[in-house]
Amino acid sequence: MIYEGDIFRPPSEASSLILQITIGCRHNQCTFCSMYKGKTFRVRPKGEIKHIIAMGAQEYPHTKRIFLADGDALACDTELLSEVLKDLYNSFPRLERVGVYGGPKDILEKSSDELIHLKEQGLGIIYLGVESGSAQILKDVNKGVTPEEMIAAGQKAMASGIKLSCTIIIGLGGKELMTEHAKETARVMNAIDPHYLGALTLMLAPGAPLAKKASSGDFTMLNTWETLEELYLMIQNFQLSDCVFRSNHASNYLPLRAHFPDEKETLLRTLKEVIENQRQDVLRPEFYRGL
């Protein structure tokens, strides 16, 4: 396959064929992220995209899932995306789902009719990085939207019928905004009420601007137990109607998976027991060594 630079995809797309129809991230200003800092956003030319699709179909003809990279392929013009989806389903006879990252601005700039059309053309899932529901934190990390705009984007995606998977980042407010981050993030997620919700734990690569603030002492990272306490408070405030929740990414101290609302109390009991008894034996070893 033809790839430019490092390639990233959601954890649930681990077995998917990744086709890079855009380069980089259109927003690319989030201070916690360094994934696309070395790239300038652009959409590949239509002919190049068709060549990539043809190459993928020849090499991986039995593909069932495809993820369209890079950071927010939903930023592509709807007409182009529609044509790409049509080509994909014509080229891969066993294809079941196509997914994309979609920034909140990408979703808001599409009309409801455009999103419904993309759903009809086979766009199966959008991955939306909510990160936090706190207005202060979203401003601090340069997310580029307010909590209310994030809610509007999430609700718009949900109304289209496309599956929506949201991501939040535990610890993004540091110690200073720990409680606000937990409660406000739960508020925003309750308003969106997505199909899937993934909680990652803040990890700062050296190239991320927020890493410089952490090094200078202007931002205080949560320790292991504070991270779990914040997650507990967040879950305590979730009121989700039908959502698969996961915090089993490699960044997470304690791998968890549950369905809301029926497994919420079980999840809270598990977290409470681990926190109160400082259960290092159930944490990922690479994170608690030396603590």
Protein backbone atom coordinates (compact mmCIF):
# COMPACT_ATOMS: atom_id res chain seq x y z
CA MET A 1 0.00 0.00 0.00
CA ILE A 2 0.96 3.65 -0.44
CA TYR A 3 1.37 5.51 2.85
CA GLU A 4 2.87 8.89 3.64
CA GLY A 5 4.34 9.32 7.13
CA ASP A 6 3.14 7.51 10.23
CA ILE A 7 -0.34 5.99 10.09
CA PHE A 8 -2.80 6.02 12.98
CA ARG A 9 -6.16 4.31 13.39
CA PRO A 10 -8.68 3.65 16.19
CA PRO A 11 -8.06 0.54 18.31
CA SER A 12 -11.21 -1.11 16.96
CA GLU A 13 -9.85 -0.84 13.41
CA ALA A 14 -6.85 -3.07 14.19
CA SER A 15 -7.83 -5.68 11.59
CA SER A 16 -9.05 -3.19 8.99
CA LEU A 17 -7.36 -2.30 5.73
CA ILE A 18 -6.18 1.30 6.03
CA LEU A 19 -6.44 3.47 2.93
CA GLN A 20 -4.87 6.92 3.26
CA ILE A 21 -7.09 9.22 1.18
CA THR A 22 -6.08 12.35 3.11
CA ILE A 23 -2.74 13.38 4.56
CA GLY A 24 -2.53 14.77 8.08
CA CYS A 25 -5.23 16.49 10.13
CA ARG A 26 -7.06 19.62 8.99
CA HIS A 27 -7.24 21.10 12.52
CA ASN A 28 -3.84 19.85 13.77
CA GLN A 29 -3.69 22.33 16.67
CA CYS A 30 -4.52 20.16 19.70
CA THR A 31 -1.76 20.61 22.28
CA PHE A 32 -1.95 17.03 23.58
CA CYS A 33 -1.41 15.47 20.14
CA SER A 34 1.76 15.07 18.11
CA MET A 35 0.49 12.52 15.56
CA TYR A 36 0.24 14.81 12.55
CA LYS A 37 2.53 17.69 13.51
CA GLY A 38 4.95 16.89 10.69
CA LYS A 39 2.26 16.83 8.00
CA THR A 40 0.39 19.49 6.05
CA PHE A 41 -3.23 18.56 5.51
CA ARG A 42 -4.33 17.75 2.00
CA VAL A 43 -6.75 15.49 0.18
CA ARG A 44 -5.17 13.10 -2.29
CA PRO A 45 -6.14 13.68 -5.94
CA LYS A 46 -9.06 11.56 -7.14
CA GLY A 47 -6.88 9.57 -9.55
CA GLU A 48 -4.42 8.75 -6.77
CA ILE A 49 -7.25 7.59 -4.50
CA LYS A 50 -8.62 5.33 -7.25
CA HIS A 51 -5.14 3.85 -7.71
CA ILE A 52 -4.86 3.16 -3.97
CA ILE A 53 -8.28 1.48 -3.94
CA ALA A 54 -7.37 -0.68 -6.93
CA MET A 55 -4.07 -1.66 -5.29
CA GLY A 56 -5.83 -2.57 -2.06
CA ALA A 57 -8.44 -4.65 -3.88
CA GLN A 58 -5.72 -6.57 -5.69
CA GLU A 59 -3.64 -7.25 -2.58
CA TYR A 60 -6.47 -7.75 -0.07
CA PRO A 61 -9.55 -8.84 -2.05
CA HIS A 62 -11.31 -10.44 0.94
CA THR A 63 -11.25 -7.30 3.09
CA LYS A 64 -14.34 -6.86 5.29
CA ARG A 65 -13.48 -3.56 6.96
CA ILE A 66 -11.72 -0.44 5.69
CA PHE A 67 -10.59 2.63 7.61
CA LEU A 68 -10.01 5.85 5.67
CA ALA A 69 -7.01 7.75 7.05
CA ASP A 70 -5.55 10.21 7.99
CA GLY A 71 -6.77 12.38 10.85
CA ASP A 72 -10.15 13.45 9.54
CA ALA A 73 -11.06 12.03 6.15
CA LEU A 74 -14.60 13.29 6.75
CA ALA A 75 -13.22 16.73 5.83
CA CYS A 76 -13.27 15.58 2.19
CA ASP A 77 -15.94 17.00 -0.08
CA THR A 78 -19.12 14.93 0.22
CA GLU A 79 -19.21 14.23 -3.52
CA LEU A 80 -15.67 12.81 -3.41
CA LEU A 81 -16.40 10.74 -0.30
CA SER A 82 -19.54 9.37 -1.92
CA GLU A 83 -17.55 8.34 -4.99
CA VAL A 84 -14.86 6.75 -2.82
CA LEU A 85 -17.47 4.74 -0.92
CA LYS A 86 -19.06 3.58 -4.17
CA ASP A 87 -15.66 2.47 -5.52
CA LEU A 88 -14.85 0.65 -2.29
CA TYR A 89 -18.02 -1.42 -2.23
CA ASN A 90 -17.64 -2.20 -5.94
CA SER A 91 -14.00 -3.21 -5.51
CA PHE A 92 -14.27 -5.26 -2.30
CA PRO A 93 -17.12 -7.79 -2.63
CA ARG A 94 -16.96 -8.79 1.07
CA LEU A 95 -16.77 -5.27 2.45
CA GLU A 96 -19.05 -4.79 5.47
CA ARG A 97 -17.99 -1.43 6.95
CA VAL A 98 -16.05 1.73 6.17
CA GLY A 99 -14.93 4.04 8.99
CA VAL A 100 -13.39 7.51 9.28
CA TYR A 101 -12.12 9.95 11.86
CA GLY A 102 -14.39 12.98 11.89
CA GLY A 103 -13.55 16.17 13.74
CA PRO A 104 -16.43 18.15 15.26
CA LYS A 105 -16.01 20.90 12.65
CA ASP A 106 -16.10 18.32 9.85
CA ILE A 107 -19.44 17.01 11.10
CA LEU A 108 -20.90 20.47 11.67
CA GLU A 109 -19.94 21.58 8.16
CA LYS A 110 -21.84 18.68 6.58
CA SER A 111 -25.57 19.10 6.18
CA SER A 112 -27.84 16.50 7.72
CA ASP A 113 -28.76 15.37 4.22
CA GLU A 114 -25.08 14.93 3.33
CA LEU A 115 -24.45 12.72 6.36
CA ILE A 116 -27.55 10.64 5.61
CA HIS A 117 -26.36 10.28 2.01
CA LEU A 118 -22.94 9.07 3.17
CA LYS A 119 -24.66 6.57 5.42
CA GLU A 120 -26.69 5.31 2.46
CA GLN A 121 -23.47 5.01 0.44
CA GLY A 122 -21.98 2.77 3.13
CA LEU A 123 -20.17 4.98 5.64
CA GLY A 124 -20.57 2.78 8.70
CA ILE A 125 -18.88 4.58 11.58
CA ILE A 126 -17.44 7.97 12.52
CA TYR A 127 -14.82 8.30 15.26
CA LEU A 128 -15.17 11.62 17.08
CA GLY A 129 -12.52 12.84 19.49
CA VAL A 130 -14.51 14.62 22.18
CA GLU A 131 -11.53 14.58 24.60
CA SER A 132 -13.28 16.66 27.32
CA GLY A 133 -16.59 18.31 28.07
CA SER A 134 -14.99 21.16 29.96
CA ALA A 135 -15.06 24.52 28.18
CA GLN A 136 -11.83 25.53 29.89
CA ILE A 137 -10.00 22.34 28.95
CA LEU A 138 -11.18 22.41 25.33
CA LYS A 139 -9.89 25.98 25.14
CA ASP A 140 -6.61 25.12 26.86
CA VAL A 141 -5.87 22.25 24.47
CA ASN A 142 -6.92 24.22 21.35
CA LYS A 143 -9.65 21.79 20.33
CA GLY A 144 -11.29 24.57 18.35
CA VAL A 145 -14.88 24.04 19.54
CA THR A 146 -17.00 24.64 22.62
CA PRO A 147 -18.76 21.88 24.56
CA GLU A 148 -22.08 22.92 23.01
CA GLU A 149 -20.59 22.68 19.50
CA MET A 150 -19.21 19.26 20.39
CA ILE A 151 -22.67 18.17 21.52
CA ALA A 152 -24.22 19.52 18.31
CA ALA A 153 -21.69 17.60 16.20
CA GLY A 154 -22.26 14.37 18.10
CA GLN A 155 -26.03 14.65 17.97
CA LYS A 156 -25.91 15.43 14.26
CA ALA A 157 -23.86 12.32 13.57
CA MET A 158 -26.20 10.20 15.69
CA ALA A 159 -29.26 11.55 13.87
CA SER A 160 -27.79 10.48 10.51
CA GLY A 161 -27.92 6.81 11.47
CA ILE A 162 -24.14 6.40 11.13
CA LYS A 163 -22.59 4.61 14.10
CA LEU A 164 -20.73 7.04 16.36
CA SER A 165 -17.71 6.17 18.46
CA CYS A 166 -16.50 8.93 20.80
CA THR A 167 -13.15 9.19 22.55
CA ILE A 168 -12.38 10.98 25.80
CA ILE A 169 -8.99 11.44 27.48
CA ILE A 170 -8.62 10.73 31.19
CA GLY A 171 -6.30 13.24 32.87
CA LEU A 172 -6.55 15.91 30.16
CA GLY A 173 -7.31 18.61 32.72
CA GLY A 174 -4.45 17.61 34.98
CA LYS A 175 -4.83 17.79 38.76
CA GLU A 176 -6.11 21.36 38.59
CA LEU A 177 -9.28 20.51 36.63
CA MET A 178 -9.74 16.88 37.60
CA THR A 179 -13.29 17.16 38.98
CA GLU A 180 -14.46 19.58 36.30
CA HIS A 181 -13.11 17.32 33.57
CA ALA A 182 -14.93 14.29 34.96
CA LYS A 183 -18.30 15.93 35.51
CA GLU A 184 -18.41 18.09 32.39
CA THR A 185 -17.22 15.26 30.15
CA ALA A 186 -20.01 13.07 31.51
CA ARG A 187 -22.50 15.88 30.80
CA VAL A 188 -21.42 16.17 27.18
CA MET A 189 -21.36 12.42 26.63
CA ASN A 190 -24.83 12.07 28.13
CA ALA A 191 -26.10 14.71 25.70
CA ILE A 192 -24.54 12.94 22.71
CA ASP A 193 -25.36 9.41 23.93
CA PRO A 194 -23.12 7.61 21.40
CA HIS A 195 -23.09 3.97 20.33
CA TYR A 196 -19.49 3.52 21.50
CA LEU A 197 -17.31 5.38 23.98
CA GLY A 198 -13.60 4.87 24.52
CA ALA A 199 -11.59 6.36 27.37
CA LEU A 200 -7.86 6.77 26.78
CA THR A 201 -5.34 7.90 29.40
CA LEU A 202 -3.31 11.01 28.67
CA MET A 203 0.16 10.14 27.40
CA LEU A 204 2.34 12.97 26.14
CA ALA A 205 4.81 12.39 23.33
CA PRO A 206 7.83 14.75 23.36
CA GLY A 207 6.50 16.60 20.29
CA ALA A 208 3.19 17.51 21.90
CA PRO A 209 2.99 21.16 23.07
CA LEU A 210 1.30 20.08 26.31
CA ALA A 211 4.39 18.02 27.13
CA LYS A 212 6.37 21.25 27.41
CA LYS A 213 3.86 22.63 29.92
CA ALA A 214 4.12 19.42 31.93
CA SER A 215 7.93 19.60 31.90
CA SER A 216 7.91 23.22 33.07
CA GLY A 217 5.46 22.49 35.86
CA ASP A 218 2.60 24.50 34.35
CA PHE A 219 0.55 21.32 33.96
CA THR A 220 0.42 18.56 36.59
CA MET A 221 -0.25 15.04 35.31
CA LEU A 222 -2.44 12.71 37.34
CA ASN A 223 -0.81 9.75 39.02
CA THR A 224 -2.14 6.21 38.63
CA TRP A 225 -4.73 6.34 41.39
CA GLU A 226 -5.91 9.86 40.57
CA THR A 227 -6.50 8.69 37.02
CA LEU A 228 -8.71 5.86 38.25
CA GLU A 229 -10.51 8.19 40.67
CA GLU A 230 -11.29 10.59 37.81
CA LEU A 231 -12.58 7.72 35.70
CA TYR A 232 -14.75 6.57 38.63
CA LEU A 233 -16.30 10.03 38.97
CA MET A 234 -16.89 10.20 35.23
CA ILE A 235 -18.62 6.81 35.11
CA GLN A 236 -20.64 7.71 38.19
CA ASN A 237 -22.11 10.63 36.23
CA PHE A 238 -22.72 8.78 32.95
CA GLN A 239 -26.36 8.41 31.95
CA LEU A 240 -25.97 6.56 28.65
CA SER A 241 -28.90 4.70 27.14
CA ASP A 242 -27.22 2.03 24.98
CA CYS A 243 -23.46 2.34 24.78
CA VAL A 244 -20.47 0.01 24.64
CA PHE A 245 -17.77 1.51 26.86
CA ARG A 246 -14.10 0.59 26.70
CA SER A 247 -11.01 1.75 28.56
CA ASN A 248 -8.81 -1.12 27.43
CA HIS A 249 -6.43 0.83 25.21
CA ALA A 250 -2.71 0.32 25.78
CA SER A 251 -2.62 3.71 27.53
CA ASN A 252 -5.05 2.66 30.25
CA TYR A 253 -3.85 1.48 33.64
CA LEU A 254 -6.82 -0.80 34.21
CA PRO A 255 -8.43 -2.51 31.19
CA LEU A 256 -12.22 -2.24 31.41
CA ARG A 257 -15.16 -3.00 29.16
CA ALA A 258 -18.87 -2.67 29.87
CA HIS A 259 -22.26 -1.95 28.38
CA PHE A 260 -24.23 1.03 29.64
CA PRO A 261 -26.53 1.30 31.44
CA ASP A 262 -26.84 -2.32 32.61
CA GLU A 263 -23.20 -2.84 33.67
CA LYS A 264 -22.56 0.60 35.14
CA GLU A 265 -22.82 -0.45 38.80
CA THR A 266 -20.59 -3.49 38.24
CA LEU A 267 -17.99 -1.23 36.67
CA LEU A 268 -18.14 1.19 39.59
CA ARG A 269 -17.75 -1.64 42.11
CA THR A 270 -14.69 -2.94 40.25
CA LEU A 271 -13.06 0.47 40.18
CA LYS A 272 -13.86 1.18 43.81
CA GLU A 273 -12.32 -2.10 44.95
CA VAL A 274 -9.15 -1.50 42.94
CA ILE A 275 -8.75 2.09 44.17
CA GLU A 276 -9.52 1.45 47.84
CA ASN A 277 -7.18 -1.54 48.03
CA GLN A 278 -4.46 -0.06 45.78
CA ARG A 279 -4.63 -3.21 43.66
CA GLN A 280 -1.40 -2.93 41.68
CA ASP A 281 -1.66 -6.63 40.81
CA VAL A 282 -4.49 -5.92 38.34
CA LEU A 283 -2.84 -2.95 36.63
CA ARG A 284 -0.79 -3.12 33.47
CA PRO A 285 2.78 -3.84 34.72
CA GLU A 286 4.49 -1.33 32.43
CA PHE A 287 2.64 1.54 34.13
CA TYR A 288 3.08 0.90 37.85
CA ARG A 289 6.74 -0.16 37.95
CA GLY A 290 8.67 2.33 40.04
CA LEU A 291 5.58 4.16 41.39
